[in-house]
Protein backbone atom coordinates (compact mmCIF):
# COMPACT_ATOMS: atom_id res chain seq x y z
CA MET A 1 40.54 23.60 -8.17
CA THR A 2 40.60 20.06 -7.56
CA ASP A 3 37.89 18.51 -5.45
CA THR A 4 39.71 16.86 -2.69
CA SER A 5 36.27 15.40 -1.37
CA ARG A 6 35.89 13.04 -4.18
CA PRO A 7 38.11 10.22 -4.17
CA ALA A 8 40.78 10.02 -6.99
CA ARG A 9 39.44 6.68 -8.24
CA PRO A 10 36.79 5.85 -11.16
CA VAL A 11 34.12 5.45 -8.64
CA ILE A 12 31.09 7.67 -8.18
CA LEU A 13 28.20 7.95 -5.71
CA GLY A 14 24.91 6.92 -7.14
CA GLN A 15 21.46 7.44 -5.73
CA ASN A 16 21.53 7.49 -2.15
CA GLN A 17 19.05 8.45 0.68
CA TYR A 18 18.65 8.10 4.65
CA GLY A 19 16.09 8.38 7.51
CA LYS A 20 14.55 6.70 10.10
CA ALA A 21 12.12 3.72 9.46
CA GLU A 22 9.43 2.04 11.15
CA ASN A 23 8.64 4.91 13.93
CA ARG A 24 5.38 3.61 15.31
CA VAL A 25 3.26 6.44 16.44
CA VAL A 26 -0.27 6.28 18.23
CA ARG A 27 -2.42 9.43 18.54
CA ILE A 28 -5.32 9.87 20.84
CA THR A 29 -7.76 12.20 20.16
CA ARG A 30 -10.08 13.06 23.07
CA ASP A 31 -13.61 14.52 22.58
CA GLY A 32 -14.82 14.47 25.93
CA ALA A 33 -15.53 10.69 26.96
CA THR A 34 -15.72 9.68 23.07
CA HIS A 35 -11.66 8.90 22.03
CA HIS A 36 -10.41 8.51 18.73
CA ILE A 37 -7.45 6.67 17.77
CA LYS A 38 -4.53 6.85 14.80
CA ASP A 39 -1.94 4.02 14.70
CA LEU A 40 0.60 4.56 12.34
CA ASN A 41 4.09 3.16 11.26
CA VAL A 42 6.08 6.07 9.84
CA SER A 43 9.10 5.43 7.60
CA VAL A 44 11.01 8.65 6.58
CA SER A 45 13.59 8.93 3.74
CA LEU A 46 15.79 12.08 2.76
CA SER A 47 18.20 12.84 -0.26
CA GLY A 48 19.64 15.92 -1.69
CA ALA A 49 23.37 17.06 -1.44
CA MET A 50 24.76 14.46 0.82
CA ASP A 51 27.49 13.44 -1.41
CA ASP A 52 30.54 14.79 1.16
CA VAL A 53 28.91 12.65 4.06
CA HIS A 54 29.56 9.68 1.48
CA TYR A 55 33.20 10.98 0.37
CA SER A 56 34.55 12.53 3.32
CA GLY A 57 32.40 11.77 6.56
CA SER A 58 31.28 15.29 6.81
CA ASN A 59 27.98 15.49 8.65
CA ALA A 60 27.57 19.22 7.92
CA SER A 61 24.45 18.56 5.81
CA VAL A 62 23.02 15.70 7.35
CA LEU A 63 19.83 16.18 9.63
CA PRO A 64 20.18 13.30 12.20
CA THR A 65 17.76 10.16 11.95
CA ASP A 66 17.04 10.42 15.70
CA THR A 67 15.82 14.25 14.72
CA THR A 68 13.37 12.55 11.90
CA LYS A 69 12.14 10.53 14.29
CA ASN A 70 11.39 13.08 16.80
CA THR A 71 9.69 15.16 14.20
CA VAL A 72 7.01 12.56 13.48
CA TYR A 73 5.94 12.57 17.42
CA ALA A 74 6.35 16.08 17.68
CA PHE A 75 3.74 16.67 14.40
CA ALA A 76 1.53 13.98 15.52
CA LYS A 77 0.83 16.50 18.73
CA GLU A 78 1.12 19.59 16.66
CA HIS A 79 -0.85 18.69 13.46
CA GLY A 80 -2.47 15.99 14.88
CA ILE A 81 -3.38 12.77 12.51
CA GLU A 82 -6.32 13.66 10.14
CA SER A 83 -5.37 10.92 7.49
CA ALA A 84 -2.15 8.95 6.91
CA GLU A 85 -1.71 10.89 3.60
CA GLN A 86 -2.29 14.34 5.04
CA PHE A 87 0.13 13.46 8.09
CA GLY A 88 2.71 12.28 5.38
CA ILE A 89 2.05 15.65 3.57
CA HIS A 90 2.79 17.80 6.67
CA LEU A 91 6.05 15.68 7.35
CA ALA A 92 7.38 15.89 3.51
CA ARG A 93 6.82 19.65 3.14
CA HIS A 94 8.64 20.30 6.41
CA PHE A 95 11.83 18.14 5.70
CA VAL A 96 11.91 19.68 2.13
CA THR A 97 11.34 23.33 3.05
CA SER A 98 13.43 23.83 6.41
CA GLN A 99 16.50 21.99 5.45
CA GLU A 100 18.53 23.32 2.38
CA PRO A 101 20.51 19.94 1.59
CA ILE A 102 17.46 18.07 1.71
CA HIS A 103 15.92 18.10 -1.91
CA ARG A 104 13.41 15.31 -1.94
CA ALA A 105 11.41 13.55 1.03
CA ARG A 106 9.59 10.17 0.95
CA ILE A 107 7.16 9.14 3.59
CA ARG A 108 5.91 5.83 3.98
CA ILE A 109 3.20 5.00 6.49
CA GLU A 110 1.22 1.76 7.50
CA GLU A 111 -1.94 2.58 9.37
CA TYR A 112 -3.30 -0.55 11.78
CA THR A 113 -7.16 0.02 12.21
CA TRP A 114 -8.92 -0.27 15.67
CA GLU A 115 -12.55 -0.65 15.77
CA ARG A 116 -14.34 1.11 18.62
CA ILE A 117 -15.55 -1.60 21.38
CA GLU A 118 -19.60 -0.12 22.10
CA VAL A 119 -20.57 -0.68 25.75
CA PRO A 120 -23.29 0.66 27.90
CA GLY A 121 -22.98 3.87 29.19
CA GLU A 122 -21.10 7.15 27.97
CA ALA A 123 -17.59 5.52 28.17
CA ARG A 124 -16.04 5.21 24.33
CA HIS A 125 -12.79 4.72 24.97
CA SER A 126 -12.03 0.78 24.16
CA PHE A 127 -11.08 -0.61 21.04
CA VAL A 128 -10.48 -4.05 19.34
CA ARG A 129 -7.67 -4.12 16.76
CA LYS A 130 -9.41 -5.10 13.50
CA GLY A 131 -7.91 -8.28 11.64
CA GLN A 132 -8.31 -7.23 8.30
CA GLU A 133 -6.09 -5.00 5.64
CA THR A 134 -3.53 -2.75 6.44
CA ARG A 135 -3.80 0.58 4.82
CA LEU A 136 -0.74 2.21 3.32
CA ALA A 137 0.22 5.54 2.22
CA GLN A 138 3.40 6.88 0.42
CA ILE A 139 4.08 10.78 -0.21
CA THR A 140 6.99 12.06 -2.12
CA TYR A 141 7.88 15.33 -2.35
CA ASP A 142 10.74 17.18 -3.79
CA GLY A 143 10.04 21.05 -3.27
CA SER A 144 8.06 21.87 -6.19
CA SER A 145 5.41 18.78 -7.21
CA TRP A 146 3.93 16.07 -4.94
CA GLU A 147 3.20 12.29 -5.70
CA VAL A 148 0.94 10.24 -3.24
CA VAL A 149 0.12 6.95 -3.55
CA SER A 150 -2.24 4.81 -1.41
CA GLY A 151 -2.93 1.31 -0.83
CA LEU A 152 -3.53 -1.91 1.17
CA LYS A 153 -2.13 -5.01 1.72
CA ASP A 154 -3.31 -8.42 3.39
CA LEU A 155 -6.93 -8.11 2.04
CA THR A 156 -8.12 -11.81 1.93
CA VAL A 157 -10.97 -12.47 -0.26
CA LEU A 158 -12.73 -15.37 -1.69
CA ASN A 159 -15.50 -16.56 -3.93
CA SER A 160 -16.70 -19.97 -2.87
CA THR A 161 -18.40 -20.03 -6.90
CA ASP A 162 -18.61 -18.23 -9.87
CA SER A 163 -15.15 -18.89 -10.99
CA GLU A 164 -13.90 -21.06 -13.73
CA PHE A 165 -10.72 -21.78 -15.34
CA TRP A 166 -10.49 -23.60 -18.51
CA GLY A 167 -9.22 -23.63 -22.36
CA TYR A 168 -5.43 -22.98 -21.26
CA VAL A 169 -2.28 -23.87 -23.05
CA LYS A 170 -1.55 -27.63 -22.70
CA ASP A 171 1.81 -29.47 -22.91
CA LYS A 172 3.41 -32.48 -21.92
CA TYR A 173 3.88 -31.19 -18.25
CA THR A 174 0.06 -30.18 -17.90
CA THR A 175 -1.56 -32.29 -15.14
CA LEU A 176 -4.09 -29.32 -13.98
CA PRO A 177 -7.64 -30.32 -14.77
CA GLU A 178 -9.89 -27.82 -16.27
CA ALA A 179 -12.30 -26.55 -13.81
CA TYR A 180 -15.85 -25.17 -14.28
CA ASP A 181 -16.83 -24.34 -10.52
CA ARG A 182 -13.95 -23.35 -8.51
CA ILE A 183 -12.98 -21.16 -5.10
CA LEU A 184 -11.34 -18.14 -6.01
CA ALA A 185 -9.45 -16.35 -3.18
CA THR A 186 -6.43 -14.12 -3.14
CA ASP A 187 -4.62 -11.54 -0.63
CA VAL A 188 -4.84 -8.24 -2.05
CA SER A 189 -1.96 -5.83 -2.28
CA GLY A 190 -3.03 -2.87 -4.24
CA ARG A 191 -1.57 0.77 -4.86
CA TRP A 192 -3.35 3.48 -6.30
CA ARG A 193 -1.77 6.85 -7.66
CA PHE A 194 -3.60 10.37 -6.97
CA ASN A 195 -3.70 12.96 -9.73
CA TRP A 196 -3.08 15.54 -6.77
CA THR A 197 -0.01 16.91 -7.43
CA ASP A 198 0.66 20.38 -5.82
CA ASP A 199 -0.63 22.55 -3.25
CA ALA A 200 -2.28 24.78 -5.56
CA GLN A 201 -5.14 21.89 -6.02
CA GLU A 202 -7.85 20.87 -3.62
CA MET A 203 -6.70 17.80 -1.85
CA PRO A 204 -9.04 14.72 -1.83
CA ASP A 205 -10.83 13.34 1.48
CA TRP A 206 -8.21 11.01 1.83
CA ASP A 207 -10.21 8.70 4.22
CA ALA A 208 -13.33 8.79 2.25
CA SER A 209 -11.58 7.92 -0.87
CA TYR A 210 -9.60 5.26 0.68
CA GLU A 211 -12.94 3.88 1.92
CA GLN A 212 -15.09 4.06 -1.20
CA THR A 213 -11.82 2.92 -3.43
CA LYS A 214 -11.70 -0.13 -1.34
CA GLN A 215 -15.59 -0.68 -1.44
CA HIS A 216 -15.23 -0.43 -5.24
CA MET A 217 -12.68 -3.18 -5.48
CA LEU A 218 -14.58 -5.36 -3.16
CA ARG A 219 -17.58 -5.16 -5.03
CA ALA A 220 -16.05 -6.12 -8.30
CA PHE A 221 -14.22 -8.72 -6.88
CA ALA A 222 -17.93 -9.94 -5.42
CA GLU A 223 -19.75 -9.06 -8.91
CA THR A 224 -17.04 -10.48 -11.65
CA TYR A 225 -17.98 -14.07 -13.02
CA SER A 226 -14.33 -14.98 -13.48
CA LEU A 227 -12.96 -17.09 -16.22
CA SER A 228 -9.46 -16.23 -14.63
CA LEU A 229 -7.83 -14.17 -11.68
CA GLN A 230 -6.64 -11.92 -14.61
CA GLN A 231 -9.92 -10.64 -15.63
CA THR A 232 -10.79 -10.23 -12.03
CA LEU A 233 -7.99 -7.86 -11.52
CA TYR A 234 -8.79 -5.81 -14.54
CA GLN A 235 -12.31 -5.27 -13.41
CA MET A 236 -10.88 -4.48 -9.93
CA GLY A 237 -8.59 -2.01 -11.46
CA SER A 238 -11.16 -0.69 -13.75
CA ARG A 239 -14.07 -0.27 -11.05
CA ILE A 240 -11.90 2.31 -9.37
CA ILE A 241 -10.50 4.13 -12.48
CA GLU A 242 -13.85 4.55 -13.61
CA ASN A 243 -15.68 5.74 -10.00
CA ARG A 244 -12.72 7.62 -8.66
CA ASP A 245 -11.70 10.80 -10.65
CA GLU A 246 -8.85 11.57 -8.31
CA ILE A 247 -7.29 8.43 -9.22
CA ASP A 248 -5.20 7.57 -12.53
CA GLU A 249 -3.22 4.66 -11.69
CA VAL A 250 -3.89 1.13 -9.79
CA ARG A 251 -1.55 -1.68 -9.46
CA PHE A 252 -2.31 -5.07 -7.99
CA SER A 253 -0.62 -8.19 -6.86
CA LEU A 254 -2.83 -11.04 -6.64
CA PRO A 255 -1.58 -14.38 -5.31
CA ASN A 256 -3.62 -17.20 -6.47
CA LYS A 257 -4.82 -18.72 -2.94
CA HIS A 258 -5.44 -22.34 -4.63
CA HIS A 259 -7.88 -24.59 -3.14
CA PHE A 260 -8.16 -28.02 -4.41
CA LEU A 261 -11.04 -30.50 -3.98
CA VAL A 262 -10.02 -33.61 -1.85
CA ASP A 263 -10.50 -36.84 -3.13
CA LEU A 264 -13.16 -38.41 -1.00
CA GLU A 265 -13.43 -41.85 -2.95
CA PRO A 266 -11.13 -43.97 -1.11
CA PHE A 267 -14.01 -43.48 1.59
CA GLY A 268 -17.01 -44.31 -0.74
CA LEU A 269 -17.76 -40.57 -0.53
CA LYS A 270 -18.64 -38.00 -2.93
CA ASN A 271 -16.96 -34.61 -3.23
CA ASP A 272 -19.90 -32.29 -4.81
CA ASN A 273 -17.48 -28.93 -4.31
CA GLU A 274 -17.60 -29.40 -0.76
CA VAL A 275 -14.62 -30.22 0.88
CA TYR A 276 -11.10 -28.51 -0.42
CA PHE A 277 -7.69 -28.48 0.73
CA ALA A 278 -6.20 -24.90 1.09
CA ALA A 279 -2.66 -24.89 -0.27
CA ASP A 280 -0.47 -22.08 0.75
CA ARG A 281 2.74 -22.88 -1.54
CA PRO A 282 3.35 -22.60 -4.37
CA TYR A 283 1.18 -20.01 -5.62
CA GLY A 284 0.14 -18.43 -8.84
CA LEU A 285 1.07 -14.70 -8.72
CA ILE A 286 -1.11 -12.36 -10.94
CA GLU A 287 0.09 -8.59 -11.14
CA ALA A 288 -0.74 -5.76 -13.65
CA THR A 289 -1.41 -1.96 -13.77
CA VAL A 290 -4.70 -0.37 -14.51
CA LEU A 291 -4.30 2.98 -16.32
CA ARG A 292 -6.37 6.20 -17.06
CA ASP A 293 -6.36 6.31 -20.74
CA GLY A 294 -3.62 8.71 -21.63
CA ARG A 295 -1.75 8.39 -18.63
CA GLU A 296 1.61 7.10 -17.60
CA ALA A 297 2.28 4.27 -15.25
CA ARG A 298 4.41 5.22 -12.29
CA ILE A 299 3.88 2.78 -9.76
CA PRO A 300 6.71 -0.03 -9.23
CA ALA A 301 5.83 -3.44 -10.68
CA ASP A 302 7.63 -4.76 -7.40
CA LEU A 303 5.15 -3.44 -4.95
CA THR A 304 7.49 -4.31 -1.91
CA THR A 305 9.70 -1.52 -3.13
CA LEU A 306 6.81 0.98 -2.68
């Protein structure tokens, strides 16, 4: 029998997915006078037996994207939000197990952190948005196995000394002077992949893992006497792998936020590594993956696709 749903031309459908992006959900948990807040931006992407809707327009296998949005809000009530990773696991499992045409679910989450404003008395319901990093999580489930990748972006760090850059290749276009005491600054964008792969395993404490991973990253940045940003990146990834058994892979994208000494000689002043011009572009971009020995790299090179 001829398949009339497929166009009679040498064109076929490739990888495809659909869902509802950037569902902002804020969950308040009231523990008497003490309130707790979780603020997430949740994107749902589903794939599976979706050929017919592309070839013929039949929606018989399509769960509306509006339904996926509603599910996010309903699950925030029914399951609460213990952590971004746990919430994503609940959602991914639901979409794959409740809808036969859906074979794979990918949940991407950004978490925005709020800090409690402490005031005299019993009231504990006021918060200020923290201006540090955005926490990230991506959960993928195909009905049999899981992949959980956590991370962060926009974490700005700076060392005002203990950084050098010299001994590099020079050609006729090189004008950069060697530096033996420079500022090293970057906006950290990082992802790390867990080795938790199925429900039979005990889950990590996602929140504790995130905080401790971040601390290992920051301590490595602060404690490394850096001869290059590449060296610092490797030390940051190594510190995480060596100290967090639940993590097998770390990938960083580190823009070098250049700080150049200002020439104060025209004003009769000596600039003894005190006054800098902070340039926002162009910037060096250093990227690499650090792996546990024997493991395979699976985080995309372009972190914006994750």
